[in-house]
Amino acid sequence: MSDRYLSVVQVAELLGTTVRFPRRLVAERRIRYVKVGTHVRIPESAVQEYIAANTVEPAQTRARSRFGRAA
């Protein structure tokens, strides 16, 4: 078990967001987390999984016609 457990503040810094965003992810149960007493810790692997699940790949560009659109 070599997974680091991050605080909400650390997750916010990692994602480049405010603290409110990871707190909302936890409240809505959209990310795995661990309760340690009253503290919330988020496994680093859960953050990576969240990023991977929400990554949008670029659309494939279509070959443009030499003549453009038909009128």
PDB file of N, CA and C in Angstrom:
ATOM      1  N   MET A   1       0.846  -1.178   0.000  1.00  0.00           N
ATOM      2  CA  MET A   1       0.000   0.000   0.000  1.00  0.00           C
ATOM      3  C   MET A   1       0.892   1.242   0.000  1.00  0.00           C
ATOM      4  N   SER A   2       1.244   1.724  -1.169  1.00  0.00           N
ATOM      5  CA  SER A   2       2.147   2.867  -1.264  1.00  0.00           C
ATOM      6  C   SER A   2       1.399   4.127  -1.695  1.00  0.00           C
ATOM      7  N   ASP A   3       0.086   4.135  -1.532  1.00  0.00           N
ATOM      8  CA  ASP A   3      -0.733   5.272  -1.935  1.00  0.00           C
ATOM      9  C   ASP A   3      -0.631   6.386  -0.902  1.00  0.00           C
ATOM     10  N   ARG A   4      -0.385   7.606  -1.380  1.00  0.00           N
ATOM     11  CA  ARG A   4      -0.363   8.767  -0.480  1.00  0.00           C
ATOM     12  C   ARG A   4      -1.785   9.243  -0.260  1.00  0.00           C
ATOM     13  N   TYR A   5      -2.063   9.695   0.938  1.00  0.00           N
ATOM     14  CA  TYR A   5      -3.366  10.252   1.258  1.00  0.00           C
ATOM     15  C   TYR A   5      -3.224  11.758   1.359  1.00  0.00           C
ATOM     16  N   LEU A   6      -4.020  12.469   0.558  1.00  0.00           N
ATOM     17  CA  LEU A   6      -3.905  13.908   0.449  1.00  0.00           C
ATOM     18  C   LEU A   6      -5.055  14.594   1.180  1.00  0.00           C
ATOM     19  N   SER A   7      -4.769  15.763   1.719  1.00  0.00           N
ATOM     20  CA  SER A   7      -5.821  16.566   2.324  1.00  0.00           C
ATOM     21  C   SER A   7      -6.616  17.237   1.214  1.00  0.00           C
ATOM     22  N   VAL A   8      -7.732  17.802   1.581  1.00  0.00           N
ATOM     23  CA  VAL A   8      -8.576  18.501   0.606  1.00  0.00           C
ATOM     24  C   VAL A   8      -7.806  19.684   0.006  1.00  0.00           C
ATOM     25  N   VAL A   9      -7.026  20.364   0.826  1.00  0.00           N
ATOM     26  CA  VAL A   9      -6.228  21.495   0.347  1.00  0.00           C
ATOM     27  C   VAL A   9      -5.195  21.028  -0.677  1.00  0.00           C
ATOM     28  N   GLN A  10      -4.532  19.910  -0.417  1.00  0.00           N
ATOM     29  CA  GLN A  10      -3.544  19.381  -1.351  1.00  0.00           C
ATOM     30  C   GLN A  10      -4.190  18.955  -2.667  1.00  0.00           C
ATOM     31  N   VAL A  11      -5.384  18.373  -2.607  1.00  0.00           N
ATOM     32  CA  VAL A  11      -6.090  17.973  -3.827  1.00  0.00           C
ATOM     33  C   VAL A  11      -6.471  19.207  -4.631  1.00  0.00           C
ATOM     34  N   ALA A  12      -6.920  20.244  -3.951  1.00  0.00           N
ATOM     35  CA  ALA A  12      -7.276  21.488  -4.635  1.00  0.00           C
ATOM     36  C   ALA A  12      -6.059  22.071  -5.347  1.00  0.00           C
ATOM     37  N   GLU A  13      -4.904  22.057  -4.697  1.00  0.00           N
ATOM     38  CA  GLU A  13      -3.676  22.558  -5.328  1.00  0.00           C
ATOM     39  C   GLU A  13      -3.299  21.703  -6.533  1.00  0.00           C
ATOM     40  N   LEU A  14      -3.432  20.378  -6.386  1.00  0.00           N
ATOM     41  CA  LEU A  14      -3.086  19.455  -7.467  1.00  0.00           C
ATOM     42  C   LEU A  14      -3.981  19.674  -8.692  1.00  0.00           C
ATOM     43  N   LEU A  15      -5.271  19.918  -8.451  1.00  0.00           N
ATOM     44  CA  LEU A  15      -6.211  20.121  -9.543  1.00  0.00           C
ATOM     45  C   LEU A  15      -6.237  21.563 -10.029  1.00  0.00           C
ATOM     46  N   GLY A  16      -5.652  22.454  -9.269  1.00  0.00           N
ATOM     47  CA  GLY A  16      -5.657  23.865  -9.655  1.00  0.00           C
ATOM     48  C   GLY A  16      -7.016  24.512  -9.448  1.00  0.00           C
ATOM     49  N   THR A  17      -7.700  24.111  -8.394  1.00  0.00           N
ATOM     50  CA  THR A  17      -9.029  24.637  -8.102  1.00  0.00           C
ATOM     51  C   THR A  17      -9.057  25.224  -6.696  1.00  0.00           C
ATOM     52  N   THR A  18     -10.218  25.722  -6.322  1.00  0.00           N
ATOM     53  CA  THR A  18     -10.399  26.168  -4.946  1.00  0.00           C
ATOM     54  C   THR A  18     -10.661  24.955  -4.065  1.00  0.00           C
ATOM     55  N   VAL A  19     -10.625  25.138  -2.771  1.00  0.00           N
ATOM     56  CA  VAL A  19     -10.860  24.044  -1.817  1.00  0.00           C
ATOM     57  C   VAL A  19     -12.305  23.551  -1.911  1.00  0.00           C
ATOM     58  N   ARG A  20     -13.172  24.424  -2.321  1.00  0.00           N
ATOM     59  CA  ARG A  20     -14.592  24.074  -2.397  1.00  0.00           C
ATOM     60  C   ARG A  20     -14.857  22.925  -3.378  1.00  0.00           C
ATOM     61  N   PHE A  21     -14.110  22.883  -4.483  1.00  0.00           N
ATOM     62  CA  PHE A  21     -14.343  21.852  -5.500  1.00  0.00           C
ATOM     63  C   PHE A  21     -14.109  20.434  -4.976  1.00  0.00           C
ATOM     64  N   PRO A  22     -12.926  20.113  -4.381  1.00  0.00           N
ATOM     65  CA  PRO A  22     -12.778  18.740  -3.860  1.00  0.00           C
ATOM     66  C   PRO A  22     -13.737  18.442  -2.709  1.00  0.00           C
ATOM     67  N   ARG A  23     -14.084  19.452  -1.932  1.00  0.00           N
ATOM     68  CA  ARG A  23     -15.080  19.230  -0.867  1.00  0.00           C
ATOM     69  C   ARG A  23     -16.424  18.833  -1.474  1.00  0.00           C
ATOM     70  N   ARG A  24     -16.790  19.462  -2.582  1.00  0.00           N
ATOM     71  CA  ARG A  24     -18.037  19.115  -3.256  1.00  0.00           C
ATOM     72  C   ARG A  24     -17.972  17.713  -3.841  1.00  0.00           C
ATOM     73  N   LEU A  25     -16.806  17.333  -4.411  1.00  0.00           N
ATOM     74  CA  LEU A  25     -16.642  15.969  -4.935  1.00  0.00           C
ATOM     75  C   LEU A  25     -16.862  14.942  -3.836  1.00  0.00           C
ATOM     76  N   VAL A  26     -16.341  15.233  -2.647  1.00  0.00           N
ATOM     77  CA  VAL A  26     -16.501  14.322  -1.506  1.00  0.00           C
ATOM     78  C   VAL A  26     -17.963  14.297  -1.075  1.00  0.00           C
ATOM     79  N   ALA A  27     -18.580  15.458  -0.943  1.00  0.00           N
ATOM     80  CA  ALA A  27     -19.969  15.538  -0.480  1.00  0.00           C
ATOM     81  C   ALA A  27     -20.914  14.814  -1.434  1.00  0.00           C
ATOM     82  N   GLU A  28     -20.640  14.897  -2.727  1.00  0.00           N
ATOM     83  CA  GLU A  28     -21.480  14.241  -3.732  1.00  0.00           C
ATOM     84  C   GLU A  28     -21.041  12.812  -4.001  1.00  0.00           C
ATOM     85  N   ARG A  29     -20.003  12.355  -3.293  1.00  0.00           N
ATOM     86  CA  ARG A  29     -19.445  11.006  -3.434  1.00  0.00           C
ATOM     87  C   ARG A  29     -19.041  10.700  -4.868  1.00  0.00           C
ATOM     88  N   ARG A  30     -18.418  11.692  -5.512  1.00  0.00           N
ATOM     89  CA  ARG A  30     -17.936  11.515  -6.882  1.00  0.00           C
ATOM     90  C   ARG A  30     -16.472  11.111  -6.913  1.00  0.00           C
ATOM     91  N   ILE A  31     -15.832  11.006  -5.734  1.00  0.00           N
ATOM     92  CA  ILE A  31     -14.433  10.597  -5.627  1.00  0.00           C
ATOM     93  C   ILE A  31     -14.287   9.767  -4.348  1.00  0.00           C
ATOM     94  N   ARG A  32     -13.387   8.785  -4.409  1.00  0.00           N
ATOM     95  CA  ARG A  32     -13.129   7.957  -3.220  1.00  0.00           C
ATOM     96  C   ARG A  32     -12.433   8.792  -2.154  1.00  0.00           C
ATOM     97  N   TYR A  33     -12.763   8.547  -0.905  1.00  0.00           N
ATOM     98  CA  TYR A  33     -12.090   9.240   0.188  1.00  0.00           C
ATOM     99  C   TYR A  33     -12.085   8.363   1.428  1.00  0.00           C
ATOM    100  N   VAL A  34     -11.263   8.753   2.395  1.00  0.00           N
ATOM    101  CA  VAL A  34     -11.131   8.029   3.654  1.00  0.00           C
ATOM    102  C   VAL A  34     -11.367   9.014   4.785  1.00  0.00           C
ATOM    103  N   LYS A  35     -12.171   8.615   5.750  1.00  0.00           N
ATOM    104  CA  LYS A  35     -12.369   9.442   6.934  1.00  0.00           C
ATOM    105  C   LYS A  35     -11.394   8.963   8.002  1.00  0.00           C
ATOM    106  N   VAL A  36     -10.578   9.882   8.507  1.00  0.00           N
ATOM    107  CA  VAL A  36      -9.646   9.591   9.593  1.00  0.00           C
ATOM    108  C   VAL A  36     -10.078  10.491  10.754  1.00  0.00           C
ATOM    109  N   GLY A  37     -10.904   9.944  11.614  1.00  0.00           N
ATOM    110  CA  GLY A  37     -11.499  10.775  12.659  1.00  0.00           C
ATOM    111  C   GLY A  37     -12.430  11.775  12.001  1.00  0.00           C
ATOM    112  N   THR A  38     -12.149  13.057  12.203  1.00  0.00           N
ATOM    113  CA  THR A  38     -12.958  14.101  11.565  1.00  0.00           C
ATOM    114  C   THR A  38     -12.326  14.593  10.271  1.00  0.00           C
ATOM    115  N   HIS A  39     -11.164  14.087   9.938  1.00  0.00           N
ATOM    116  CA  HIS A  39     -10.432  14.537   8.755  1.00  0.00           C
ATOM    117  C   HIS A  39     -10.801  13.709   7.532  1.00  0.00           C
ATOM    118  N   VAL A  40     -10.810  14.350   6.385  1.00  0.00           N
ATOM    119  CA  VAL A  40     -11.057  13.670   5.107  1.00  0.00           C
ATOM    120  C   VAL A  40      -9.742  13.599   4.362  1.00  0.00           C
ATOM    121  N   ARG A  41      -9.390  12.403   3.912  1.00  0.00           N
ATOM    122  CA  ARG A  41      -8.178  12.211   3.122  1.00  0.00           C
ATOM    123  C   ARG A  41      -8.562  11.500   1.837  1.00  0.00           C
ATOM    124  N   ILE A  42      -7.945  11.945   0.749  1.00  0.00           N
ATOM    125  CA  ILE A  42      -8.259  11.401  -0.569  1.00  0.00           C
ATOM    126  C   ILE A  42      -7.010  10.704  -1.099  1.00  0.00           C
ATOM    127  N   PRO A  43      -7.117   9.407  -1.430  1.00  0.00           N
ATOM    128  CA  PRO A  43      -5.961   8.705  -1.976  1.00  0.00           C
ATOM    129  C   PRO A  43      -5.518   9.338  -3.294  1.00  0.00           C
ATOM    130  N   GLU A  44      -4.213   9.418  -3.488  1.00  0.00           N
ATOM    131  CA  GLU A  44      -3.669   9.995  -4.714  1.00  0.00           C
ATOM    132  C   GLU A  44      -4.175   9.233  -5.944  1.00  0.00           C
ATOM    133  N   SER A  45      -4.327   7.915  -5.812  1.00  0.00           N
ATOM    134  CA  SER A  45      -4.821   7.114  -6.936  1.00  0.00           C
ATOM    135  C   SER A  45      -6.260   7.494  -7.284  1.00  0.00           C
ATOM    136  N   ALA A  46      -7.057   7.893  -6.297  1.00  0.00           N
ATOM    137  CA  ALA A  46      -8.438   8.304  -6.561  1.00  0.00           C
ATOM    138  C   ALA A  46      -8.468   9.596  -7.369  1.00  0.00           C
ATOM    139  N   VAL A  47      -7.522  10.500  -7.079  1.00  0.00           N
ATOM    140  CA  VAL A  47      -7.432  11.749  -7.840  1.00  0.00           C
ATOM    141  C   VAL A  47      -7.045  11.436  -9.282  1.00  0.00           C
ATOM    142  N   GLN A  48      -6.075  10.539  -9.472  1.00  0.00           N
ATOM    143  CA  GLN A  48      -5.656  10.164 -10.821  1.00  0.00           C
ATOM    144  C   GLN A  48      -6.795   9.485 -11.582  1.00  0.00           C
ATOM    145  N   GLU A  49      -7.570   8.637 -10.904  1.00  0.00           N
ATOM    146  CA  GLU A  49      -8.715   7.978 -11.534  1.00  0.00           C
ATOM    147  C   GLU A  49      -9.771   9.005 -11.931  1.00  0.00           C
ATOM    148  N   TYR A  50     -10.001   9.987 -11.065  1.00  0.00           N
ATOM    149  CA  TYR A  50     -10.975  11.031 -11.367  1.00  0.00           C
ATOM    150  C   TYR A  50     -10.552  11.822 -12.601  1.00  0.00           C
ATOM    151  N   ILE A  51      -9.275  12.154 -12.666  1.00  0.00           N
ATOM    152  CA  ILE A  51      -8.758  12.899 -13.819  1.00  0.00           C
ATOM    153  C   ILE A  51      -8.906  12.061 -15.093  1.00  0.00           C
ATOM    154  N   ALA A  52      -8.547  10.784 -15.018  1.00  0.00           N
ATOM    155  CA  ALA A  52      -8.639   9.914 -16.192  1.00  0.00           C
ATOM    156  C   ALA A  52     -10.091   9.746 -16.649  1.00  0.00           C
ATOM    157  N   ALA A  53     -11.016   9.614 -15.704  1.00  0.00           N
ATOM    158  CA  ALA A  53     -12.419   9.401 -16.048  1.00  0.00           C
ATOM    159  C   ALA A  53     -13.054  10.648 -16.649  1.00  0.00           C
ATOM    160  N   ASN A  54     -12.504  11.821 -16.343  1.00  0.00           N
ATOM    161  CA  ASN A  54     -13.102  13.064 -16.817  1.00  0.00           C
ATOM    162  C   ASN A  54     -12.278  13.759 -17.893  1.00  0.00           C
ATOM    163  N   THR A  55     -11.308  13.044 -18.442  1.00  0.00           N
ATOM    164  CA  THR A  55     -10.494  13.596 -19.516  1.00  0.00           C
ATOM    165  C   THR A  55     -11.238  13.450 -20.836  1.00  0.00           C
ATOM    166  N   VAL A  56     -11.327  14.530 -21.562  1.00  0.00           N
ATOM    167  CA  VAL A  56     -12.015  14.532 -22.851  1.00  0.00           C
ATOM    168  C   VAL A  56     -10.957  14.546 -23.941  1.00  0.00           C
ATOM    169  N   GLU A  57     -11.009  13.542 -24.802  1.00  0.00           N
ATOM    170  CA  GLU A  57     -10.061  13.441 -25.902  1.00  0.00           C
ATOM    171  C   GLU A  57     -10.472  14.406 -27.012  1.00  0.00           C
ATOM    172  N   PRO A  58      -9.501  14.919 -27.767  1.00  0.00           N
ATOM    173  CA  PRO A  58      -9.855  15.834 -28.860  1.00  0.00           C
ATOM    174  C   PRO A  58     -10.605  15.105 -29.961  1.00  0.00           C
ATOM    175  N   ALA A  59     -11.475  15.848 -30.621  1.00  0.00           N
ATOM    176  CA  ALA A  59     -12.252  15.274 -31.723  1.00  0.00           C
ATOM    177  C   ALA A  59     -11.338  15.094 -32.929  1.00  0.00           C
ATOM    178  N   GLN A  60     -11.631  14.090 -33.708  1.00  0.00           N
ATOM    179  CA  GLN A  60     -10.870  13.853 -34.931  1.00  0.00           C
ATOM    180  C   GLN A  60     -11.266  14.917 -35.952  1.00  0.00           C
ATOM    181  N   THR A  61     -10.284  15.496 -36.580  1.00  0.00           N
ATOM    182  CA  THR A  61     -10.596  16.496 -37.603  1.00  0.00           C
ATOM    183  C   THR A  61     -10.919  15.782 -38.900  1.00  0.00           C
ATOM    184  N   ARG A  62     -11.903  16.301 -39.570  1.00  0.00           N
ATOM    185  CA  ARG A  62     -12.279  15.724 -40.853  1.00  0.00           C
ATOM    186  C   ARG A  62     -11.439  16.371 -41.947  1.00  0.00           C
ATOM    187  N   ALA A  63     -11.175  15.616 -42.972  1.00  0.00           N
ATOM    188  CA  ALA A  63     -10.442  16.165 -44.109  1.00  0.00           C
ATOM    189  C   ALA A  63     -11.327  17.207 -44.780  1.00  0.00           C
ATOM    190  N   ARG A  64     -10.788  18.356 -45.005  1.00  0.00           N
ATOM    191  CA  ARG A  64     -11.569  19.425 -45.625  1.00  0.00           C
ATOM    192  C   ARG A  64     -11.620  19.217 -47.138  1.00  0.00           C
ATOM    193  N   SER A  65     -12.757  19.500 -47.654  1.00  0.00           N
ATOM    194  CA  SER A  65     -12.928  19.429 -49.087  1.00  0.00           C
ATOM    195  C   SER A  65     -12.201  20.604 -49.728  1.00  0.00           C
ATOM    196  N   ARG A  66     -11.669  20.379 -50.880  1.00  0.00           N
ATOM    197  CA  ARG A  66     -10.936  21.423 -51.589  1.00  0.00           C
ATOM    198  C   ARG A  66     -11.858  22.569 -51.987  1.00  0.00           C
ATOM    199  N   PHE A  67     -13.133  22.237 -52.185  1.00  0.00           N
ATOM    200  CA  PHE A  67     -14.061  23.209 -52.712  1.00  0.00           C
ATOM    201  C   PHE A  67     -15.000  23.795 -51.653  1.00  0.00           C
ATOM    202  N   GLY A  68     -14.912  23.344 -50.435  1.00  0.00           N
ATOM    203  CA  GLY A  68     -15.789  23.867 -49.398  1.00  0.00           C
ATOM    204  C   GLY A  68     -17.192  23.311 -49.503  1.00  0.00           C
ATOM    205  N   ARG A  69     -18.151  24.055 -48.994  1.00  0.00           N
ATOM    206  CA  ARG A  69     -19.535  23.601 -48.993  1.00  0.00           C
ATOM    207  C   ARG A  69     -20.230  23.873 -50.321  1.00  0.00           C
ATOM    208  N   ALA A  70     -21.203  23.043 -50.589  1.00  0.00           N
ATOM    209  CA  ALA A  70     -22.040  23.278 -51.774  1.00  0.00           C
ATOM    210  C   ALA A  70     -23.051  24.354 -51.419  1.00  0.00           C
ATOM    211  N   ALA A  71     -23.377  25.188 -52.356  1.00  0.00           N
ATOM    212  CA  ALA A  71     -24.306  26.292 -52.081  1.00  0.00           C
ATOM    213  C   ALA A  71     -25.725  25.864 -52.035  1.00  0.00           C
TER     214      ALA A  71
END
